[in-house]
Amino acid sequence: MLSNVTKDRDFALMMKQHVSDLLAFLFDKEQNFGVLCKISDVSFNPELPEYMQDGFSHLTLFFLAGYTFESAYVESDHLIFEAGFGAENFGSVVSVPLLSIMQIIVDETPIFINLSELKLEELQTDERPKADIDEKSVEASMSVFLSNPENKKFFKD
């Protein structure tokens, strides 16, 4: 089941590491890029006026070029950059958790897609979410195992 992968802690850690490595690569190559991210997880300092925040969709694309690209860096599992918003170019420091980056885009082409459903806070706990067990898959696997006569030696008579 796909959710067994997308909700897995180790998968989320791998996605976070991949985002971090890819961002480092793009910074090293001085390659402008865009990040499509979950706006609910993004923070702004100073806070944007409400009318600006209301204009963002659930998934919002930030394009890092020029000064925004030059100001960008990764720190504490966050992509941080300065940007201007609206007609008045309202300045704010934007902080995006790496796991909230759903895509990284170069020249209108996604070069990274994050399918993890976990958030950074969920990775910081020692508890691992229980995986959903797909009963039909378990039954099908057992059926195939039992259909092989060689496997009967593993069962007591």
C-alpha atoms as a PDB file:
ATOM      1  CA  MET A   1       0.000   0.000   0.000  1.00  0.00           C
ATOM      2  CA  LEU A   2       1.330   3.423  -0.938  1.00  0.00           C
ATOM      3  CA  SER A   3       0.454   4.923   2.459  1.00  0.00           C
ATOM      4  CA  ASN A   4       2.796   2.401   4.100  1.00  0.00           C
ATOM      5  CA  VAL A   5       5.586   4.196   2.258  1.00  0.00           C
ATOM      6  CA  THR A   6       4.396   7.814   2.348  1.00  0.00           C
ATOM      7  CA  LYS A   7       3.641   7.709   6.084  1.00  0.00           C
ATOM      8  CA  ASP A   8       6.856   5.901   6.976  1.00  0.00           C
ATOM      9  CA  ARG A   9       9.304   7.789   9.196  1.00  0.00           C
ATOM     10  CA  ASP A  10      12.390   6.490   7.376  1.00  0.00           C
ATOM     11  CA  PHE A  11      10.919   7.500   4.019  1.00  0.00           C
ATOM     12  CA  ALA A  12      10.264  11.025   5.361  1.00  0.00           C
ATOM     13  CA  LEU A  13      13.837  11.252   6.655  1.00  0.00           C
ATOM     14  CA  MET A  14      15.112  10.177   3.243  1.00  0.00           C
ATOM     15  CA  MET A  15      12.934  12.809   1.509  1.00  0.00           C
ATOM     16  CA  LYS A  16      14.162  15.520   3.908  1.00  0.00           C
ATOM     17  CA  GLN A  17      17.778  14.559   3.278  1.00  0.00           C
ATOM     18  CA  HIS A  18      17.200  14.506  -0.469  1.00  0.00           C
ATOM     19  CA  VAL A  19      15.664  18.004  -0.375  1.00  0.00           C
ATOM     20  CA  SER A  20      18.621  19.268   1.661  1.00  0.00           C
ATOM     21  CA  ASP A  21      21.169  17.686  -0.696  1.00  0.00           C
ATOM     22  CA  LEU A  22      19.380  18.970  -3.792  1.00  0.00           C
ATOM     23  CA  LEU A  23      19.138  22.518  -2.428  1.00  0.00           C
ATOM     24  CA  ALA A  24      22.872  22.455  -1.597  1.00  0.00           C
ATOM     25  CA  PHE A  25      23.563  21.287  -5.156  1.00  0.00           C
ATOM     26  CA  LEU A  26      21.440  24.079  -6.670  1.00  0.00           C
ATOM     27  CA  PHE A  27      23.087  26.722  -4.461  1.00  0.00           C
ATOM     28  CA  ASP A  28      26.526  25.376  -5.400  1.00  0.00           C
ATOM     29  CA  LYS A  29      25.654  25.553  -9.121  1.00  0.00           C
ATOM     30  CA  GLU A  30      24.068  29.015  -8.638  1.00  0.00           C
ATOM     31  CA  GLN A  31      20.915  27.647 -10.280  1.00  0.00           C
ATOM     32  CA  ASN A  32      17.672  29.572  -9.719  1.00  0.00           C
ATOM     33  CA  PHE A  33      14.737  27.355  -8.766  1.00  0.00           C
ATOM     34  CA  GLY A  34      11.206  27.312  -7.461  1.00  0.00           C
ATOM     35  CA  VAL A  35       9.771  25.519  -4.459  1.00  0.00           C
ATOM     36  CA  LEU A  36       6.158  24.414  -4.325  1.00  0.00           C
ATOM     37  CA  CYS A  37       5.280  24.155  -0.651  1.00  0.00           C
ATOM     38  CA  LYS A  38       2.461  23.768   1.845  1.00  0.00           C
ATOM     39  CA  ILE A  39       1.707  27.370   2.797  1.00  0.00           C
ATOM     40  CA  SER A  40       0.229  26.353   6.169  1.00  0.00           C
ATOM     41  CA  ASP A  41       3.728  25.335   7.321  1.00  0.00           C
ATOM     42  CA  VAL A  42       5.505  28.473   6.056  1.00  0.00           C
ATOM     43  CA  SER A  43       6.340  31.311   8.437  1.00  0.00           C
ATOM     44  CA  PHE A  44       7.012  34.960   7.613  1.00  0.00           C
ATOM     45  CA  ASN A  45       9.026  37.463   9.653  1.00  0.00           C
ATOM     46  CA  PRO A  46       7.575  40.036   9.822  1.00  0.00           C
ATOM     47  CA  GLU A  47       4.129  38.523   9.315  1.00  0.00           C
ATOM     48  CA  LEU A  48       2.526  39.417   6.009  1.00  0.00           C
ATOM     49  CA  PRO A  49      -0.634  41.517   6.081  1.00  0.00           C
ATOM     50  CA  GLU A  50      -3.740  39.341   6.148  1.00  0.00           C
ATOM     51  CA  TYR A  51      -4.861  40.385   2.656  1.00  0.00           C
ATOM     52  CA  MET A  52      -1.548  39.084   1.260  1.00  0.00           C
ATOM     53  CA  GLN A  53      -1.737  35.787   3.140  1.00  0.00           C
ATOM     54  CA  ASP A  54      -5.310  35.275   1.932  1.00  0.00           C
ATOM     55  CA  GLY A  55      -3.998  35.357  -1.649  1.00  0.00           C
ATOM     56  CA  PHE A  56      -1.886  32.208  -1.197  1.00  0.00           C
ATOM     57  CA  SER A  57      -3.283  28.845  -2.217  1.00  0.00           C
ATOM     58  CA  HIS A  58      -2.811  25.635  -0.192  1.00  0.00           C
ATOM     59  CA  LEU A  59       0.251  24.840  -2.318  1.00  0.00           C
ATOM     60  CA  THR A  60       2.224  27.961  -3.183  1.00  0.00           C
ATOM     61  CA  LEU A  61       5.183  28.382  -5.516  1.00  0.00           C
ATOM     62  CA  PHE A  62       8.079  30.606  -4.474  1.00  0.00           C
ATOM     63  CA  PHE A  63      10.644  31.285  -7.183  1.00  0.00           C
ATOM     64  CA  LEU A  64      14.142  31.989  -5.926  1.00  0.00           C
ATOM     65  CA  ALA A  65      16.053  34.315  -8.253  1.00  0.00           C
ATOM     66  CA  GLY A  66      18.004  37.549  -7.911  1.00  0.00           C
ATOM     67  CA  TYR A  67      18.185  38.881  -4.353  1.00  0.00           C
ATOM     68  CA  THR A  68      15.790  36.199  -3.103  1.00  0.00           C
ATOM     69  CA  PHE A  69      18.172  33.502  -4.367  1.00  0.00           C
ATOM     70  CA  GLU A  70      21.217  35.339  -2.984  1.00  0.00           C
ATOM     71  CA  SER A  71      19.621  35.562   0.468  1.00  0.00           C
ATOM     72  CA  ALA A  72      18.592  31.884   0.587  1.00  0.00           C
ATOM     73  CA  TYR A  73      20.158  29.246   2.821  1.00  0.00           C
ATOM     74  CA  VAL A  74      19.261  26.033   4.663  1.00  0.00           C
ATOM     75  CA  GLU A  75      19.330  26.010   8.458  1.00  0.00           C
ATOM     76  CA  SER A  76      17.706  23.778  11.079  1.00  0.00           C
ATOM     77  CA  ASP A  77      15.694  21.758   8.562  1.00  0.00           C
ATOM     78  CA  HIS A  78      14.285  24.931   6.941  1.00  0.00           C
ATOM     79  CA  LEU A  79      14.849  26.767   3.665  1.00  0.00           C
ATOM     80  CA  ILE A  80      15.105  30.457   4.578  1.00  0.00           C
ATOM     81  CA  PHE A  81      15.071  33.401   2.177  1.00  0.00           C
ATOM     82  CA  GLU A  82      14.058  37.041   1.937  1.00  0.00           C
ATOM     83  CA  ALA A  83      11.345  38.087  -0.485  1.00  0.00           C
ATOM     84  CA  GLY A  84       9.130  41.036  -1.346  1.00  0.00           C
ATOM     85  CA  PHE A  85       5.355  40.579  -1.646  1.00  0.00           C
ATOM     86  CA  GLY A  86       2.581  42.525  -3.303  1.00  0.00           C
ATOM     87  CA  ALA A  87       2.648  45.769  -5.254  1.00  0.00           C
ATOM     88  CA  GLU A  88       4.362  47.536  -2.349  1.00  0.00           C
ATOM     89  CA  ASN A  89       7.112  44.858  -2.267  1.00  0.00           C
ATOM     90  CA  PHE A  90       6.498  44.132   1.433  1.00  0.00           C
ATOM     91  CA  GLY A  91       9.727  42.533   2.683  1.00  0.00           C
ATOM     92  CA  SER A  92       9.722  39.419   4.823  1.00  0.00           C
ATOM     93  CA  VAL A  93      12.012  36.536   5.743  1.00  0.00           C
ATOM     94  CA  VAL A  94      10.351  33.301   4.650  1.00  0.00           C
ATOM     95  CA  SER A  95      11.024  30.033   6.484  1.00  0.00           C
ATOM     96  CA  VAL A  96       9.912  26.779   4.836  1.00  0.00           C
ATOM     97  CA  PRO A  97      10.344  23.398   6.589  1.00  0.00           C
ATOM     98  CA  LEU A  98      12.169  21.059   4.214  1.00  0.00           C
ATOM     99  CA  LEU A  99       9.432  18.423   4.500  1.00  0.00           C
ATOM    100  CA  SER A 100       6.848  21.024   3.434  1.00  0.00           C
ATOM    101  CA  ILE A 101       8.595  21.410   0.071  1.00  0.00           C
ATOM    102  CA  MET A 102       6.479  19.293  -2.250  1.00  0.00           C
ATOM    103  CA  GLN A 103       8.376  20.044  -5.474  1.00  0.00           C
ATOM    104  CA  ILE A 104      11.582  21.707  -6.587  1.00  0.00           C
ATOM    105  CA  ILE A 105      11.300  23.180 -10.061  1.00  0.00           C
ATOM    106  CA  VAL A 106      13.992  24.314 -12.500  1.00  0.00           C
ATOM    107  CA  ASP A 107      12.993  25.963 -15.790  1.00  0.00           C
ATOM    108  CA  GLU A 108       9.341  24.930 -15.340  1.00  0.00           C
ATOM    109  CA  THR A 109      10.309  21.278 -14.855  1.00  0.00           C
ATOM    110  CA  PRO A 110       9.942  19.474 -11.502  1.00  0.00           C
ATOM    111  CA  ILE A 111      13.277  17.888 -10.586  1.00  0.00           C
ATOM    112  CA  PHE A 112      12.079  16.686  -7.183  1.00  0.00           C
ATOM    113  CA  ILE A 113       8.722  15.500  -5.865  1.00  0.00           C
ATOM    114  CA  ASN A 114       8.155  14.827  -2.172  1.00  0.00           C
ATOM    115  CA  LEU A 115       5.440  12.247  -1.472  1.00  0.00           C
ATOM    116  CA  SER A 116       6.033  12.044   2.276  1.00  0.00           C
ATOM    117  CA  GLU A 117       2.961  12.743   4.388  1.00  0.00           C
ATOM    118  CA  LEU A 118       4.846  13.351   7.648  1.00  0.00           C
ATOM    119  CA  LYS A 119       5.730  16.741   9.077  1.00  0.00           C
ATOM    120  CA  LEU A 120       8.957  17.788  10.724  1.00  0.00           C
ATOM    121  CA  GLU A 121       7.346  17.645  14.186  1.00  0.00           C
ATOM    122  CA  GLU A 122       6.419  13.982  13.631  1.00  0.00           C
ATOM    123  CA  LEU A 123      10.036  13.133  12.831  1.00  0.00           C
ATOM    124  CA  GLN A 124      11.290  14.683  16.042  1.00  0.00           C
ATOM    125  CA  THR A 125       9.405  12.204  18.227  1.00  0.00           C
ATOM    126  CA  ASP A 126      10.715   8.733  18.923  1.00  0.00           C
ATOM    127  CA  GLU A 127       7.335   7.183  18.250  1.00  0.00           C
ATOM    128  CA  ARG A 128       6.902   5.537  14.917  1.00  0.00           C
ATOM    129  CA  PRO A 129       3.435   5.535  13.401  1.00  0.00           C
ATOM    130  CA  LYS A 130       1.910   2.099  13.050  1.00  0.00           C
ATOM    131  CA  ALA A 131       1.774   0.992   9.439  1.00  0.00           C
ATOM    132  CA  ASP A 132      -1.553   0.100   7.908  1.00  0.00           C
ATOM    133  CA  ILE A 133      -1.666  -3.592   7.050  1.00  0.00           C
ATOM    134  CA  ASP A 134      -3.224  -4.430   3.746  1.00  0.00           C
ATOM    135  CA  GLU A 135      -5.039  -7.659   4.679  1.00  0.00           C
ATOM    136  CA  LYS A 136      -5.698  -8.661   1.050  1.00  0.00           C
ATOM    137  CA  SER A 137      -1.997  -8.427   0.231  1.00  0.00           C
ATOM    138  CA  VAL A 138      -1.114 -10.549   3.269  1.00  0.00           C
ATOM    139  CA  GLU A 139      -3.696 -13.175   2.275  1.00  0.00           C
ATOM    140  CA  ALA A 140      -2.482 -13.203  -1.338  1.00  0.00           C
ATOM    141  CA  SER A 141       1.116 -13.570  -0.210  1.00  0.00           C
ATOM    142  CA  MET A 142       0.230 -16.440   2.158  1.00  0.00           C
ATOM    143  CA  SER A 143      -1.785 -18.134  -0.574  1.00  0.00           C
ATOM    144  CA  VAL A 144       1.176 -18.044  -2.962  1.00  0.00           C
ATOM    145  CA  PHE A 145       3.478 -19.327  -0.216  1.00  0.00           C
ATOM    146  CA  LEU A 146       1.149 -22.220   0.660  1.00  0.00           C
ATOM    147  CA  SER A 147       0.580 -23.179  -2.983  1.00  0.00           C
ATOM    148  CA  ASN A 148       4.223 -24.207  -3.322  1.00  0.00           C
ATOM    149  CA  PRO A 149       4.592 -27.838  -2.164  1.00  0.00           C
ATOM    150  CA  GLU A 150       8.197 -27.181  -1.089  1.00  0.00           C
ATOM    151  CA  ASN A 151       6.972 -24.764   1.607  1.00  0.00           C
ATOM    152  CA  LYS A 152       4.913 -27.454   3.419  1.00  0.00           C
ATOM    153  CA  LYS A 153       8.066 -28.507   5.265  1.00  0.00           C
ATOM    154  CA  PHE A 154       7.801 -25.257   7.286  1.00  0.00           C
ATOM    155  CA  PHE A 155       4.534 -26.362   8.920  1.00  0.00           C
ATOM    156  CA  LYS A 156       3.942 -29.033  11.544  1.00  0.00           C
ATOM    157  CA  ASP A 157       1.661 -31.838  10.527  1.00  0.00           C
END
